[in-house]
Amino acid sequence: MGKTPAFVDGQIAAIAYTNQLILVANNVSDFQDFQGLQIENWFQVIK
């Protein structure tokens, strides 16, 4: 895709993916390009 993620974001994503965890983050846009990664935003306000 031509995008290089921040090094620390890659580490966080790799740990979550390898351990089959759901990544909970407020900045989900930083992790959306990682394939196969489950992401949830618990900080999103539901109206």
PDB file of N, CA and C in Angstrom:
ATOM      1  N   MET A   1       0.819  -1.198   0.000  1.00  0.00           N
ATOM      2  CA  MET A   1       0.000   0.000   0.000  1.00  0.00           C
ATOM      3  C   MET A   1       0.859   1.257   0.000  1.00  0.00           C
ATOM      4  N   GLY A   2       2.153   1.095   0.262  1.00  0.00           N
ATOM      5  CA  GLY A   2       3.031   2.244   0.238  1.00  0.00           C
ATOM      6  C   GLY A   2       3.032   3.057   1.513  1.00  0.00           C
ATOM      7  N   LYS A   3       2.406   2.556   2.573  1.00  0.00           N
ATOM      8  CA  LYS A   3       2.373   3.285   3.839  1.00  0.00           C
ATOM      9  C   LYS A   3       3.282   2.583   4.841  1.00  0.00           C
ATOM     10  N   THR A   4       4.084   3.358   5.535  1.00  0.00           N
ATOM     11  CA  THR A   4       4.939   2.803   6.570  1.00  0.00           C
ATOM     12  C   THR A   4       4.394   3.237   7.931  1.00  0.00           C
ATOM     13  N   PRO A   5       3.939   2.284   8.747  1.00  0.00           N
ATOM     14  CA  PRO A   5       3.397   2.663  10.054  1.00  0.00           C
ATOM     15  C   PRO A   5       4.518   3.063  11.014  1.00  0.00           C
ATOM     16  N   ALA A   6       4.140   3.762  12.056  1.00  0.00           N
ATOM     17  CA  ALA A   6       5.108   4.095  13.098  1.00  0.00           C
ATOM     18  C   ALA A   6       5.647   2.798  13.695  1.00  0.00           C
ATOM     19  N   PHE A   7       6.921   2.775  14.051  1.00  0.00           N
ATOM     20  CA  PHE A   7       7.558   1.562  14.552  1.00  0.00           C
ATOM     21  C   PHE A   7       6.820   0.992  15.763  1.00  0.00           C
ATOM     22  N   VAL A   8       6.482   1.844  16.701  1.00  0.00           N
ATOM     23  CA  VAL A   8       5.810   1.373  17.920  1.00  0.00           C
ATOM     24  C   VAL A   8       4.410   0.832  17.606  1.00  0.00           C
ATOM     25  N   ASP A   9       3.710   1.421  16.651  1.00  0.00           N
ATOM     26  CA  ASP A   9       2.394   0.910  16.249  1.00  0.00           C
ATOM     27  C   ASP A   9       2.532  -0.492  15.657  1.00  0.00           C
ATOM     28  N   GLY A  10       3.584  -0.708  14.906  1.00  0.00           N
ATOM     29  CA  GLY A  10       3.841  -2.028  14.343  1.00  0.00           C
ATOM     30  C   GLY A  10       4.114  -3.052  15.421  1.00  0.00           C
ATOM     31  N   GLN A  11       4.848  -2.654  16.445  1.00  0.00           N
ATOM     32  CA  GLN A  11       5.130  -3.560  17.558  1.00  0.00           C
ATOM     33  C   GLN A  11       3.852  -3.911  18.310  1.00  0.00           C
ATOM     34  N   ILE A  12       3.024  -2.919  18.590  1.00  0.00           N
ATOM     35  CA  ILE A  12       1.764  -3.149  19.298  1.00  0.00           C
ATOM     36  C   ILE A  12       0.862  -4.069  18.484  1.00  0.00           C
ATOM     37  N   ALA A  13       0.748  -3.794  17.193  1.00  0.00           N
ATOM     38  CA  ALA A  13      -0.094  -4.608  16.316  1.00  0.00           C
ATOM     39  C   ALA A  13       0.427  -6.042  16.240  1.00  0.00           C
ATOM     40  N   ALA A  14       1.742  -6.206  16.151  1.00  0.00           N
ATOM     41  CA  ALA A  14       2.336  -7.542  16.052  1.00  0.00           C
ATOM     42  C   ALA A  14       2.086  -8.353  17.321  1.00  0.00           C
ATOM     43  N   ILE A  15       2.194  -7.726  18.475  1.00  0.00           N
ATOM     44  CA  ILE A  15       1.948  -8.419  19.740  1.00  0.00           C
ATOM     45  C   ILE A  15       0.490  -8.845  19.834  1.00  0.00           C
ATOM     46  N   ALA A  16      -0.418  -7.941  19.483  1.00  0.00           N
ATOM     47  CA  ALA A  16      -1.846  -8.266  19.539  1.00  0.00           C
ATOM     48  C   ALA A  16      -2.187  -9.384  18.555  1.00  0.00           C
ATOM     49  N   TYR A  17      -1.673  -9.290  17.353  1.00  0.00           N
ATOM     50  CA  TYR A  17      -1.970 -10.290  16.323  1.00  0.00           C
ATOM     51  C   TYR A  17      -1.395 -11.661  16.690  1.00  0.00           C
ATOM     52  N   THR A  18      -0.157 -11.688  17.117  1.00  0.00           N
ATOM     53  CA  THR A  18       0.520 -12.943  17.441  1.00  0.00           C
ATOM     54  C   THR A  18      -0.163 -13.680  18.593  1.00  0.00           C
ATOM     55  N   ASN A  19      -0.666 -12.915  19.561  1.00  0.00           N
ATOM     56  CA  ASN A  19      -1.309 -13.508  20.735  1.00  0.00           C
ATOM     57  C   ASN A  19      -2.821 -13.620  20.582  1.00  0.00           C
ATOM     58  N   GLN A  20      -3.311 -13.363  19.362  1.00  0.00           N
ATOM     59  CA  GLN A  20      -4.741 -13.445  19.049  1.00  0.00           C
ATOM     60  C   GLN A  20      -5.573 -12.598  20.005  1.00  0.00           C
ATOM     61  N   LEU A  21      -5.127 -11.361  20.214  1.00  0.00           N
ATOM     62  CA  LEU A  21      -5.809 -10.427  21.105  1.00  0.00           C
ATOM     63  C   LEU A  21      -6.576  -9.396  20.294  1.00  0.00           C
ATOM     64  N   ILE A  22      -7.538  -8.784  20.917  1.00  0.00           N
ATOM     65  CA  ILE A  22      -8.251  -7.654  20.319  1.00  0.00           C
ATOM     66  C   ILE A  22      -7.545  -6.390  20.783  1.00  0.00           C
ATOM     67  N   LEU A  23      -7.137  -5.571  19.844  1.00  0.00           N
ATOM     68  CA  LEU A  23      -6.451  -4.330  20.168  1.00  0.00           C
ATOM     69  C   LEU A  23      -7.485  -3.263  20.484  1.00  0.00           C
ATOM     70  N   VAL A  24      -7.440  -2.722  21.683  1.00  0.00           N
ATOM     71  CA  VAL A  24      -8.353  -1.661  22.094  1.00  0.00           C
ATOM     72  C   VAL A  24      -7.579  -0.354  22.059  1.00  0.00           C
ATOM     73  N   ALA A  25      -8.044   0.582  21.238  1.00  0.00           N
ATOM     74  CA  ALA A  25      -7.345   1.853  21.089  1.00  0.00           C
ATOM     75  C   ALA A  25      -8.332   2.952  20.739  1.00  0.00           C
ATOM     76  N   ASN A  26      -7.995   4.154  21.124  1.00  0.00           N
ATOM     77  CA  ASN A  26      -8.812   5.306  20.761  1.00  0.00           C
ATOM     78  C   ASN A  26      -8.451   5.782  19.348  1.00  0.00           C
ATOM     79  N   ASN A  27      -7.229   5.537  18.928  1.00  0.00           N
ATOM     80  CA  ASN A  27      -6.755   5.961  17.609  1.00  0.00           C
ATOM     81  C   ASN A  27      -6.745   4.779  16.637  1.00  0.00           C
ATOM     82  N   VAL A  28      -7.910   4.248  16.345  1.00  0.00           N
ATOM     83  CA  VAL A  28      -8.009   3.059  15.491  1.00  0.00           C
ATOM     84  C   VAL A  28      -7.479   3.307  14.083  1.00  0.00           C
ATOM     85  N   SER A  29      -7.465   4.532  13.638  1.00  0.00           N
ATOM     86  CA  SER A  29      -6.975   4.826  12.294  1.00  0.00           C
ATOM     87  C   SER A  29      -5.497   4.478  12.141  1.00  0.00           C
ATOM     88  N   ASP A  30      -4.740   4.486  13.240  1.00  0.00           N
ATOM     89  CA  ASP A  30      -3.319   4.128  13.180  1.00  0.00           C
ATOM     90  C   ASP A  30      -3.113   2.644  12.913  1.00  0.00           C
ATOM     91  N   PHE A  31      -4.138   1.822  13.166  1.00  0.00           N
ATOM     92  CA  PHE A  31      -3.993   0.379  13.070  1.00  0.00           C
ATOM     93  C   PHE A  31      -4.859  -0.250  11.976  1.00  0.00           C
ATOM     94  N   GLN A  32      -5.637   0.529  11.253  1.00  0.00           N
ATOM     95  CA  GLN A  32      -6.569  -0.013  10.267  1.00  0.00           C
ATOM     96  C   GLN A  32      -5.887  -0.683   9.083  1.00  0.00           C
ATOM     97  N   ASP A  33      -4.642  -0.351   8.801  1.00  0.00           N
ATOM     98  CA  ASP A  33      -3.957  -0.918   7.637  1.00  0.00           C
ATOM     99  C   ASP A  33      -3.328  -2.283   7.912  1.00  0.00           C
ATOM    100  N   PHE A  34      -3.363  -2.732   9.174  1.00  0.00           N
ATOM    101  CA  PHE A  34      -2.824  -4.044   9.514  1.00  0.00           C
ATOM    102  C   PHE A  34      -3.885  -5.095   9.226  1.00  0.00           C
ATOM    103  N   GLN A  35      -3.576  -6.018   8.336  1.00  0.00           N
ATOM    104  CA  GLN A  35      -4.539  -7.043   7.944  1.00  0.00           C
ATOM    105  C   GLN A  35      -4.654  -8.118   9.017  1.00  0.00           C
ATOM    106  N   GLY A  36      -5.884  -8.545   9.289  1.00  0.00           N
ATOM    107  CA  GLY A  36      -6.133  -9.626  10.224  1.00  0.00           C
ATOM    108  C   GLY A  36      -6.129  -9.207  11.676  1.00  0.00           C
ATOM    109  N   LEU A  37      -5.985  -7.929  11.947  1.00  0.00           N
ATOM    110  CA  LEU A  37      -5.941  -7.420  13.316  1.00  0.00           C
ATOM    111  C   LEU A  37      -7.336  -7.004  13.755  1.00  0.00           C
ATOM    112  N   GLN A  38      -7.775  -7.512  14.900  1.00  0.00           N
ATOM    113  CA  GLN A  38      -9.074  -7.125  15.441  1.00  0.00           C
ATOM    114  C   GLN A  38      -8.891  -5.866  16.280  1.00  0.00           C
ATOM    115  N   ILE A  39      -9.659  -4.834  15.964  1.00  0.00           N
ATOM    116  CA  ILE A  39      -9.519  -3.544  16.638  1.00  0.00           C
ATOM    117  C   ILE A  39     -10.879  -3.113  17.183  1.00  0.00           C
ATOM    118  N   GLU A  40     -10.877  -2.608  18.406  1.00  0.00           N
ATOM    119  CA  GLU A  40     -12.092  -2.046  19.001  1.00  0.00           C
ATOM    120  C   GLU A  40     -11.750  -0.702  19.620  1.00  0.00           C
ATOM    121  N   ASN A  41     -12.712   0.195  19.577  1.00  0.00           N
ATOM    122  CA  ASN A  41     -12.564   1.500  20.203  1.00  0.00           C
ATOM    123  C   ASN A  41     -13.582   1.596  21.324  1.00  0.00           C
ATOM    124  N   TRP A  42     -13.142   1.387  22.552  1.00  0.00           N
ATOM    125  CA  TRP A  42     -14.046   1.451  23.699  1.00  0.00           C
ATOM    126  C   TRP A  42     -14.320   2.892  24.114  1.00  0.00           C
ATOM    127  N   PHE A  43     -13.633   3.839  23.498  1.00  0.00           N
ATOM    128  CA  PHE A  43     -13.789   5.239  23.863  1.00  0.00           C
ATOM    129  C   PHE A  43     -14.795   5.961  22.976  1.00  0.00           C
ATOM    130  N   GLN A  44     -15.292   5.254  21.960  1.00  0.00           N
ATOM    131  CA  GLN A  44     -16.252   5.847  21.034  1.00  0.00           C
ATOM    132  C   GLN A  44     -17.568   6.077  21.759  1.00  0.00           C
ATOM    133  N   VAL A  45     -18.097   7.256  21.633  1.00  0.00           N
ATOM    134  CA  VAL A  45     -19.354   7.603  22.282  1.00  0.00           C
ATOM    135  C   VAL A  45     -20.501   7.152  21.392  1.00  0.00           C
ATOM    136  N   ILE A  46     -21.375   6.366  21.940  1.00  0.00           N
ATOM    137  CA  ILE A  46     -22.558   5.886  21.202  1.00  0.00           C
ATOM    138  C   ILE A  46     -23.743   6.747  21.602  1.00  0.00           C
ATOM    139  N   LYS A  47     -24.379   7.334  20.608  1.00  0.00           N
ATOM    140  CA  LYS A  47     -25.520   8.229  20.893  1.00  0.00           C
ATOM    141  C   LYS A  47     -26.800   7.583  20.450  1.00  0.00           C
TER     142      LYS A  47
END
